[in-house]
Amino acid sequence: MSAISQPLTADVRTDPVHPYDLLALVALQTLVTAAPLALLPFLGMQVAGMSDAPAFWTAMALAAPAVTTLTLTPAWARLAVWVSLPGLILWTGLLSALSCAMIASATHPLALVLARLVQGAAGGGVVLALAFREVGLDPARGYTRMQQAVSAGCLIGPLVGGLAFEHGRFTTLMLACGGLVLVASLGAAALCRGISLDAPEGSAGGRITGWPVLGAGLLGSAGAFAFVAFFPTWATAADPAMFTPGLIGLLHSSSWLVALLVLPFWARGIGALSPLTALALSLAGCALAFAAIPLGLGLVGIAVLRLLQGALFAGQSPALFAAAEAAGPNRVAAIAHVRASLTLGQLAGPFVAGLVLVPFGPAGAIWAAAGLSLAGAVWLVVAHHPIHRKNRSRAA
C-alpha cells in the first residue's frame, strides 16, 4: 500500500476524555482566533487615524506575528520538555490577553506592531494544536475539533469587530476579548493538569522532517490567502454594482460557516483514508474551485463555489497536522513546523498573486491562487509515489 493511501494508525488516547477539557479548549481557541480577526479587516483604517504613512505601518503590523511565529519555531520542542501543557496554555493565554490590551491602548502604529509581535509570540497555533491532539480520541478528531473552533473564530471575529468599529467601541471590545482570553486560558490550564505531552528530549526533537508535507501545507496556505486577498479585487472589477462590500463579506462568512459544519465529516474521512490522501484531495479540490471563479458563472455560481471552497478547505489544516505528525518522530516539532509553513504561505501567497495581478489582471491573480494550491497537491502526490520514493532511497 502506498504512503499516499495508508490509513491513519497513530496512537490514540485510551483514558476517558472529559468533555469540559474540550469545551475549555474550544472556547480558548475561538477567542484567540476571533480577537485578532476583529482587528484585521479594519487594520488599515485603524492605522490611518494614527499616522501619515498608513501603508508602511499597516504592512509592518500585518507581517509582525509572522516574525515571532517563525523565530520561535525551533524553540517549541524544547519548551515542551521544560514546561507542562497547562504552563504552555497559560503562556498562550497571558500573551494573547496582553496583545489585546496593547491593541486597545495603542495610540501610535508602533504600538500596534508591538502588539502583533506579542500575538505571534503567544504561539496559540502550536500550543492549542498540541492540547487538542492530547485530549482528542485520535489525531483526526482532535485536529478537526481545533479547526472547528478556528472556523468559529474566523466567523465571529470580523462580525463583532465591524460592529465595534461602527459604534466606536473597539477599545472596549479588545479589552473584553483580553479578559475573556485570560479567563478561558486559566480554565483550560486547570482542566488539562493531568495531561502530559509526548515530547522526547534531545536536539533531534527540533529537526525538520516531512518536507513534502510541509511544502504542500505552505502552498495550500499560499493559495488560500492569495485567493482571499484578491477575490474582492476580482469581484469588484467583474461587477461592482453586484459585488458590494457587504455581499463579499457575506460570501466569505458563509464559507467559514460551511467549514464549521462539514469538519466532522472530514474527521471520519481523514481516519478512514489517510491524512495524506485527505490533504491532497483538499488541495486539488480548492484549486479547481478557485480556478472556476473567473469563468463567468453568475452570482449563484460564485456563491456555490465559495460554499464549496469552505467545505473543501475545512479539511486541509487537520489533515496537514495529522500528516506531519505521522512523518516525524516528535509531535511537538511537527506541529511547530506545520505552523511555520502555514505562516510562510500566508506571506508568500498574496505576494505571488500580486506579481501576477499586474500583467494578467484580477482573474490572473485568482488563477495564481489556484495554481499554488494545485502545485501543493501535485508535489504531495509525486513525493509520496512509490516510484519516486524508491528512486530517492537508491540515491541515498
Protein backbone atom coordinates (compact mmCIF):
# COMPACT_ATOMS: atom_id res chain seq x y z
CA MET A 1 0.00 0.00 0.00
CA SER A 2 1.44 3.39 -0.98
CA ALA A 3 2.07 6.11 1.60
CA ILE A 4 -0.46 8.38 -0.04
CA SER A 5 -3.27 5.96 0.76
CA GLN A 6 -2.14 4.44 4.04
CA PRO A 7 -4.84 4.83 6.72
CA LEU A 8 -4.07 6.74 9.88
CA THR A 9 -2.72 4.42 12.55
CA ALA A 10 -1.35 6.90 15.07
CA ASP A 11 -1.68 6.16 18.75
CA VAL A 12 -4.96 7.06 20.39
CA ARG A 13 -5.83 8.00 23.89
CA THR A 14 -7.44 5.17 25.83
CA ASP A 15 -8.35 7.04 29.03
CA PRO A 16 -11.73 8.80 29.16
CA VAL A 17 -11.91 12.31 27.67
CA HIS A 18 -13.63 14.74 29.99
CA PRO A 19 -16.00 16.94 27.95
CA TYR A 20 -15.02 20.05 29.93
CA ASP A 21 -11.42 19.71 28.67
CA LEU A 22 -12.59 20.06 25.10
CA LEU A 23 -15.11 22.76 25.92
CA ALA A 24 -12.45 24.92 27.57
CA LEU A 25 -10.04 24.44 24.68
CA VAL A 26 -12.76 25.22 22.12
CA ALA A 27 -13.58 28.44 23.97
CA LEU A 28 -9.93 29.47 24.17
CA GLN A 29 -9.19 28.62 20.52
CA THR A 30 -12.28 30.51 19.36
CA LEU A 31 -11.28 33.58 21.37
CA VAL A 32 -7.61 33.69 20.34
CA THR A 33 -8.74 33.36 16.71
CA ALA A 34 -11.58 35.88 16.89
CA ALA A 35 -9.68 38.63 18.76
CA PRO A 36 -7.03 39.37 16.09
CA LEU A 37 -9.58 38.91 13.31
CA ALA A 38 -11.76 41.58 14.92
CA LEU A 39 -8.94 43.99 14.06
CA LEU A 40 -7.51 42.57 10.84
CA PRO A 41 -10.14 43.70 8.28
CA PHE A 42 -10.04 47.20 9.76
CA LEU A 43 -6.31 47.43 10.47
CA GLY A 44 -5.71 49.92 7.68
CA MET A 45 -8.48 52.17 8.98
CA GLN A 46 -7.04 52.00 12.50
CA VAL A 47 -3.54 52.85 11.31
CA ALA A 48 -4.77 55.68 9.05
CA GLY A 49 -6.08 57.52 12.09
CA MET A 50 -2.69 57.30 13.81
CA SER A 51 -0.12 58.09 11.13
CA ASP A 52 0.54 59.90 7.87
CA ALA A 53 2.21 56.75 6.48
CA PRO A 54 -0.57 54.17 6.79
CA ALA A 55 0.68 51.83 4.03
CA PHE A 56 4.07 51.32 5.70
CA TRP A 57 2.71 50.78 9.20
CA THR A 58 -0.14 48.56 8.01
CA ALA A 59 2.33 46.30 6.20
CA MET A 60 4.52 46.17 9.32
CA ALA A 61 1.57 45.29 11.55
CA LEU A 62 0.32 42.63 9.14
CA ALA A 63 3.72 40.92 9.00
CA ALA A 64 4.60 41.25 12.70
CA PRO A 65 3.04 37.99 14.01
CA ALA A 66 4.90 36.01 11.36
CA VAL A 67 8.23 37.32 12.67
CA THR A 68 7.77 35.97 16.18
CA THR A 69 5.99 32.81 15.00
CA LEU A 70 8.90 31.85 12.75
CA THR A 71 11.52 32.90 15.30
CA LEU A 72 10.03 30.65 17.98
CA THR A 73 9.56 27.60 15.71
CA PRO A 74 12.81 25.84 16.73
CA ALA A 75 12.14 26.52 20.43
CA TRP A 76 8.84 24.69 20.89
CA ALA A 77 10.29 21.17 21.07
CA ARG A 78 12.50 22.21 24.00
CA LEU A 79 9.82 24.34 25.66
CA ALA A 80 7.52 21.31 25.66
CA VAL A 81 10.18 19.41 27.64
CA TRP A 82 10.67 22.19 30.19
CA VAL A 83 7.10 23.44 30.51
CA SER A 84 3.95 21.39 31.12
CA LEU A 85 0.92 21.58 28.86
CA PRO A 86 -1.01 23.73 31.40
CA GLY A 87 2.03 26.03 31.59
CA LEU A 88 2.10 26.38 27.80
CA ILE A 89 -1.64 27.10 27.75
CA LEU A 90 -1.11 29.86 30.32
CA TRP A 91 1.75 31.23 28.18
CA THR A 92 -0.64 31.44 25.21
CA GLY A 93 -3.45 32.95 27.24
CA LEU A 94 -1.36 35.57 29.01
CA LEU A 95 0.41 36.79 25.89
CA SER A 96 -2.79 36.75 23.83
CA ALA A 97 -4.58 38.79 26.52
CA LEU A 98 -1.60 41.17 26.70
CA SER A 99 -1.74 41.62 22.93
CA CYS A 100 -5.44 42.53 23.14
CA ALA A 101 -4.75 45.07 25.89
CA MET A 102 -1.90 46.61 23.88
CA ILE A 103 -4.15 46.94 20.83
CA ALA A 104 -6.87 48.54 22.94
CA SER A 105 -4.47 51.16 24.35
CA ALA A 106 -2.48 51.82 21.15
CA THR A 107 -2.26 55.43 20.04
CA HIS A 108 0.68 55.02 17.63
CA PRO A 109 1.18 52.43 14.85
CA LEU A 110 4.36 51.19 16.55
CA ALA A 111 2.22 50.06 19.48
CA LEU A 112 0.06 48.02 17.10
CA VAL A 113 3.18 46.44 15.61
CA LEU A 114 4.45 45.51 19.08
CA ALA A 115 1.03 44.10 20.00
CA ARG A 116 1.06 41.93 16.89
CA LEU A 117 4.59 40.73 17.71
CA VAL A 118 3.30 39.63 21.12
CA GLN A 119 0.39 37.89 19.41
CA GLY A 120 2.81 35.81 17.33
CA ALA A 121 4.91 35.00 20.40
CA ALA A 122 1.81 33.63 22.15
CA GLY A 123 2.13 30.55 19.94
CA GLY A 124 -1.55 29.66 20.06
CA GLY A 125 -1.30 27.83 16.75
CA VAL A 126 1.25 25.42 18.23
CA VAL A 127 0.17 25.15 21.87
CA LEU A 128 -3.53 24.66 21.21
CA ALA A 129 -2.87 22.17 18.42
CA LEU A 130 -0.88 20.14 20.96
CA ALA A 131 -3.65 20.47 23.52
CA PHE A 132 -6.39 19.38 21.13
CA ARG A 133 -4.25 16.46 19.97
CA GLU A 134 -3.65 15.27 23.53
CA VAL A 135 -7.29 15.44 24.66
CA GLY A 136 -8.71 14.05 21.40
CA LEU A 137 -9.64 10.42 20.91
CA ASP A 138 -7.46 10.27 17.78
CA PRO A 139 -5.43 12.72 15.67
CA ALA A 140 -8.15 13.35 13.08
CA ARG A 141 -10.84 14.13 15.65
CA GLY A 142 -8.52 16.25 17.80
CA TYR A 143 -7.32 18.40 14.92
CA THR A 144 -10.78 18.76 13.36
CA ARG A 145 -12.23 19.92 16.67
CA MET A 146 -9.49 22.52 16.78
CA GLN A 147 -10.31 23.60 13.22
CA GLN A 148 -13.99 23.90 14.12
CA ALA A 149 -13.05 26.35 16.86
CA VAL A 150 -10.79 28.22 14.43
CA SER A 151 -13.64 28.40 11.91
CA ALA A 152 -15.97 29.76 14.58
CA GLY A 153 -13.40 32.43 15.47
CA CYS A 154 -12.96 33.36 11.80
CA LEU A 155 -16.71 33.74 11.51
CA ILE A 156 -17.24 35.70 14.74
CA GLY A 157 -14.17 37.97 14.78
CA PRO A 158 -14.82 40.16 11.72
CA LEU A 159 -18.53 40.44 12.54
CA VAL A 160 -18.05 41.72 16.10
CA GLY A 161 -15.09 43.82 15.00
CA GLY A 162 -17.18 45.53 12.34
CA LEU A 163 -19.95 46.29 14.81
CA ALA A 164 -17.46 47.62 17.35
CA PHE A 165 -15.80 49.91 14.79
CA GLU A 166 -19.16 51.14 13.55
CA HIS A 167 -20.27 52.12 17.07
CA GLY A 168 -16.90 53.40 18.32
CA ARG A 169 -16.48 50.56 20.83
CA PHE A 170 -13.37 48.85 19.52
CA THR A 171 -11.27 49.61 22.59
CA THR A 172 -13.98 48.11 24.79
CA LEU A 173 -14.17 45.05 22.55
CA MET A 174 -10.42 44.38 22.70
CA LEU A 175 -10.32 44.77 26.48
CA ALA A 176 -13.26 42.37 26.76
CA CYS A 177 -11.51 39.91 24.45
CA GLY A 178 -8.36 40.10 26.55
CA GLY A 179 -10.30 39.43 29.75
CA LEU A 180 -12.18 36.50 28.21
CA VAL A 181 -8.97 35.00 26.81
CA LEU A 182 -7.36 35.22 30.25
CA VAL A 183 -10.31 33.53 31.96
CA ALA A 184 -10.53 30.84 29.27
CA SER A 185 -6.80 30.08 29.49
CA LEU A 186 -6.95 29.75 33.28
CA GLY A 187 -9.87 27.35 32.96
CA ALA A 188 -8.24 25.30 30.19
CA ALA A 189 -4.94 25.08 32.08
CA ALA A 190 -6.72 23.89 35.23
CA LEU A 191 -8.71 21.24 33.35
CA CYS A 192 -5.65 19.96 31.45
CA ARG A 193 -3.47 19.48 34.55
CA GLY A 194 -3.44 15.71 34.20
CA ILE A 195 -2.38 15.68 30.55
CA SER A 196 1.28 15.33 29.61
CA LEU A 197 2.96 16.00 26.28
CA ASP A 198 4.73 13.46 24.12
CA ALA A 199 7.93 15.48 23.78
CA PRO A 200 11.16 13.44 23.82
CA GLU A 201 14.30 15.20 24.97
CA GLY A 202 17.29 15.89 22.77
CA SER A 203 18.17 18.16 19.89
CA ALA A 204 16.72 15.71 17.36
CA GLY A 205 13.27 16.70 18.51
CA GLY A 206 13.61 20.02 16.71
CA ARG A 207 14.84 18.51 13.42
CA ILE A 208 12.68 19.28 10.42
CA THR A 209 11.12 16.20 8.83
CA GLY A 210 8.38 15.58 6.28
CA TRP A 211 9.42 18.24 3.77
CA PRO A 212 6.81 17.22 1.15
CA VAL A 213 4.02 17.57 3.71
CA LEU A 214 5.28 20.93 4.92
CA GLY A 215 5.75 22.14 1.35
CA ALA A 216 2.21 21.11 0.45
CA GLY A 217 0.92 22.92 3.52
CA LEU A 218 2.85 26.05 2.58
CA LEU A 219 1.47 26.00 -0.99
CA GLY A 220 -2.08 25.33 0.21
CA SER A 221 -1.89 28.21 2.68
CA ALA A 222 -0.40 30.44 -0.03
CA GLY A 223 -3.22 29.60 -2.43
CA ALA A 224 -5.94 30.20 0.15
CA PHE A 225 -4.56 33.54 1.32
CA ALA A 226 -3.87 34.69 -2.23
CA PHE A 227 -7.49 33.95 -3.08
CA VAL A 228 -8.86 35.73 -0.01
CA ALA A 229 -6.66 38.75 -0.72
CA PHE A 230 -7.64 39.13 -4.38
CA PHE A 231 -11.19 37.81 -4.60
CA PRO A 232 -12.58 41.26 -3.64
CA THR A 233 -10.39 42.82 -6.35
CA TRP A 234 -11.71 40.39 -8.95
CA ALA A 235 -15.32 40.70 -7.78
CA THR A 236 -15.42 44.49 -7.84
CA ALA A 237 -13.73 44.55 -11.25
CA ALA A 238 -16.19 41.96 -12.63
CA ASP A 239 -19.39 43.62 -11.39
CA PRO A 240 -19.02 46.49 -8.89
CA ALA A 241 -22.77 47.05 -8.73
CA MET A 242 -23.49 43.46 -7.66
CA PHE A 243 -20.43 42.62 -5.58
CA THR A 244 -20.78 45.19 -2.82
CA PRO A 245 -18.51 45.01 0.26
CA GLY A 246 -21.45 43.61 2.21
CA LEU A 247 -22.02 40.79 -0.28
CA ILE A 248 -18.31 39.97 -0.44
CA GLY A 249 -18.21 39.79 3.36
CA LEU A 250 -21.32 37.59 3.41
CA LEU A 251 -19.79 35.16 0.91
CA HIS A 252 -16.61 34.99 2.99
CA SER A 253 -18.50 34.37 6.23
CA SER A 254 -20.69 31.73 4.57
CA SER A 255 -17.63 29.74 3.51
CA TRP A 256 -16.44 29.63 7.13
CA LEU A 257 -19.90 28.56 8.29
CA VAL A 258 -19.84 25.65 5.86
CA ALA A 259 -16.36 24.73 7.07
CA LEU A 260 -17.64 24.64 10.63
CA LEU A 261 -20.46 22.29 9.66
CA VAL A 262 -18.55 19.81 7.49
CA LEU A 263 -15.50 19.28 9.70
CA PRO A 264 -16.95 16.21 11.49
CA PHE A 265 -17.17 14.50 8.08
CA TRP A 266 -13.55 15.38 7.39
CA ALA A 267 -12.58 13.79 10.72
CA ARG A 268 -14.07 10.50 9.56
CA GLY A 269 -12.52 10.80 6.12
CA ILE A 270 -9.02 11.54 7.41
CA GLY A 271 -9.19 8.49 9.67
CA ALA A 272 -10.65 6.20 7.01
CA LEU A 273 -8.39 7.17 4.10
CA SER A 274 -5.15 8.75 5.33
CA PRO A 275 -4.05 12.28 6.23
CA LEU A 276 -2.03 12.47 3.01
CA THR A 277 -4.94 11.43 0.82
CA ALA A 278 -7.29 13.88 2.56
CA LEU A 279 -4.73 16.67 2.22
CA ALA A 280 -4.18 16.00 -1.48
CA LEU A 281 -7.95 15.93 -2.13
CA SER A 282 -8.46 19.19 -0.25
CA LEU A 283 -5.66 20.93 -2.13
CA ALA A 284 -6.79 19.72 -5.55
CA GLY A 285 -10.45 20.49 -4.82
CA CYS A 286 -9.66 24.02 -3.66
CA ALA A 287 -7.55 24.59 -6.77
CA LEU A 288 -10.44 23.61 -9.06
CA ALA A 289 -12.91 25.74 -7.12
CA PHE A 290 -10.57 28.76 -7.22
CA ALA A 291 -9.92 28.34 -10.95
CA ALA A 292 -13.66 28.24 -11.74
CA ILE A 293 -14.37 31.62 -10.12
CA PRO A 294 -13.40 33.85 -13.11
CA LEU A 295 -15.39 31.75 -15.63
CA GLY A 296 -18.49 33.98 -15.55
CA LEU A 297 -20.87 31.69 -13.68
CA GLY A 298 -23.02 34.48 -12.22
CA LEU A 299 -23.88 35.22 -8.62
CA VAL A 300 -25.44 31.83 -7.91
CA GLY A 301 -22.44 30.00 -9.37
CA ILE A 302 -19.99 32.15 -7.41
CA ALA A 303 -21.95 31.60 -4.20
CA VAL A 304 -21.96 27.83 -4.75
CA LEU A 305 -18.22 27.86 -5.44
CA ARG A 306 -17.49 29.87 -2.28
CA LEU A 307 -19.51 27.38 -0.21
CA LEU A 308 -17.70 24.50 -1.91
CA GLN A 309 -14.35 26.15 -1.15
CA GLY A 310 -15.27 26.39 2.51
CA ALA A 311 -16.17 22.70 2.59
CA LEU A 312 -13.00 21.63 0.76
CA PHE A 313 -10.63 23.90 2.66
CA ALA A 314 -12.03 22.78 6.02
CA GLY A 315 -10.12 19.51 5.96
CA GLN A 316 -6.80 20.96 4.90
CA SER A 317 -5.47 22.03 8.29
CA PRO A 318 -6.42 18.90 10.30
CA ALA A 319 -5.13 16.63 7.52
CA LEU A 320 -1.88 18.61 7.40
CA PHE A 321 -1.30 18.39 11.15
CA ALA A 322 -2.05 14.66 11.18
CA ALA A 323 0.19 14.01 8.15
CA ALA A 324 3.08 15.99 9.64
CA GLU A 325 2.74 14.12 12.93
CA ALA A 326 2.99 10.81 11.09
CA ALA A 327 6.06 12.00 9.16
CA GLY A 328 8.23 12.94 12.14
CA PRO A 329 9.36 11.38 15.43
CA ASN A 330 8.43 14.39 17.57
CA ARG A 331 4.83 15.57 17.65
CA VAL A 332 5.74 18.97 19.11
CA ALA A 333 8.34 19.73 16.45
CA ALA A 334 5.99 18.53 13.70
CA ILE A 335 3.20 20.85 14.84
CA ALA A 336 5.60 23.79 15.19
CA HIS A 337 6.92 23.23 11.68
CA VAL A 338 3.40 22.99 10.28
CA ARG A 339 2.53 26.31 11.89
CA ALA A 340 5.68 27.85 10.37
CA SER A 341 4.82 26.51 6.91
CA LEU A 342 1.30 27.93 7.13
CA THR A 343 2.69 31.30 8.22
CA LEU A 344 5.14 31.40 5.31
CA GLY A 345 2.29 30.53 2.95
CA GLN A 346 0.21 33.41 4.29
CA LEU A 347 3.06 35.78 3.41
CA ALA A 348 4.04 34.22 0.07
CA GLY A 349 0.58 33.71 -1.44
CA PRO A 350 -0.58 37.34 -1.69
CA PHE A 351 2.91 38.35 -2.86
CA VAL A 352 2.89 35.84 -5.74
CA ALA A 353 -0.67 36.68 -6.74
CA GLY A 354 0.19 40.39 -6.57
CA LEU A 355 3.01 39.87 -9.07
CA VAL A 356 0.60 38.11 -11.43
CA LEU A 357 -2.03 40.81 -10.99
CA VAL A 358 -0.05 43.44 -12.92
CA PRO A 359 0.33 41.62 -16.27
CA PHE A 360 -2.77 39.40 -16.16
CA GLY A 361 -5.34 41.36 -14.14
CA PRO A 362 -7.62 40.18 -11.30
CA ALA A 363 -8.50 36.89 -12.99
CA GLY A 364 -4.79 36.10 -13.26
CA ALA A 365 -4.37 36.61 -9.53
CA ILE A 366 -7.22 34.16 -8.86
CA TRP A 367 -5.69 31.60 -11.20
CA ALA A 368 -2.34 32.08 -9.48
CA ALA A 369 -4.05 31.15 -6.20
CA ALA A 370 -5.46 28.04 -7.90
CA GLY A 371 -2.03 27.17 -9.28
CA LEU A 372 -0.41 27.38 -5.85
CA SER A 373 -2.98 25.03 -4.33
CA LEU A 374 -2.72 22.61 -7.27
CA ALA A 375 1.07 22.66 -7.01
CA GLY A 376 0.76 21.58 -3.39
CA ALA A 377 -1.40 18.59 -4.35
CA VAL A 378 0.89 17.56 -7.20
CA TRP A 379 4.01 17.88 -5.05
CA LEU A 380 2.43 15.76 -2.33
CA VAL A 381 1.37 13.00 -4.72
CA VAL A 382 4.67 12.91 -6.61
CA ALA A 383 6.79 12.96 -3.45
CA HIS A 384 4.89 10.02 -1.97
CA HIS A 385 4.52 8.00 -5.16
CA PRO A 386 6.16 4.56 -4.74
CA ILE A 387 8.47 5.05 -7.79
CA HIS A 388 9.70 8.43 -6.54
CA ARG A 389 10.31 7.06 -3.06
CA LYS A 390 12.22 4.06 -4.48
CA ASN A 391 14.48 6.31 -6.59
CA ARG A 392 15.07 8.59 -3.63
CA SER A 393 16.09 5.67 -1.41
CA ARG A 394 18.51 4.38 -4.10
CA ALA A 395 20.09 7.83 -4.40
CA ALA A 396 20.60 7.90 -0.66
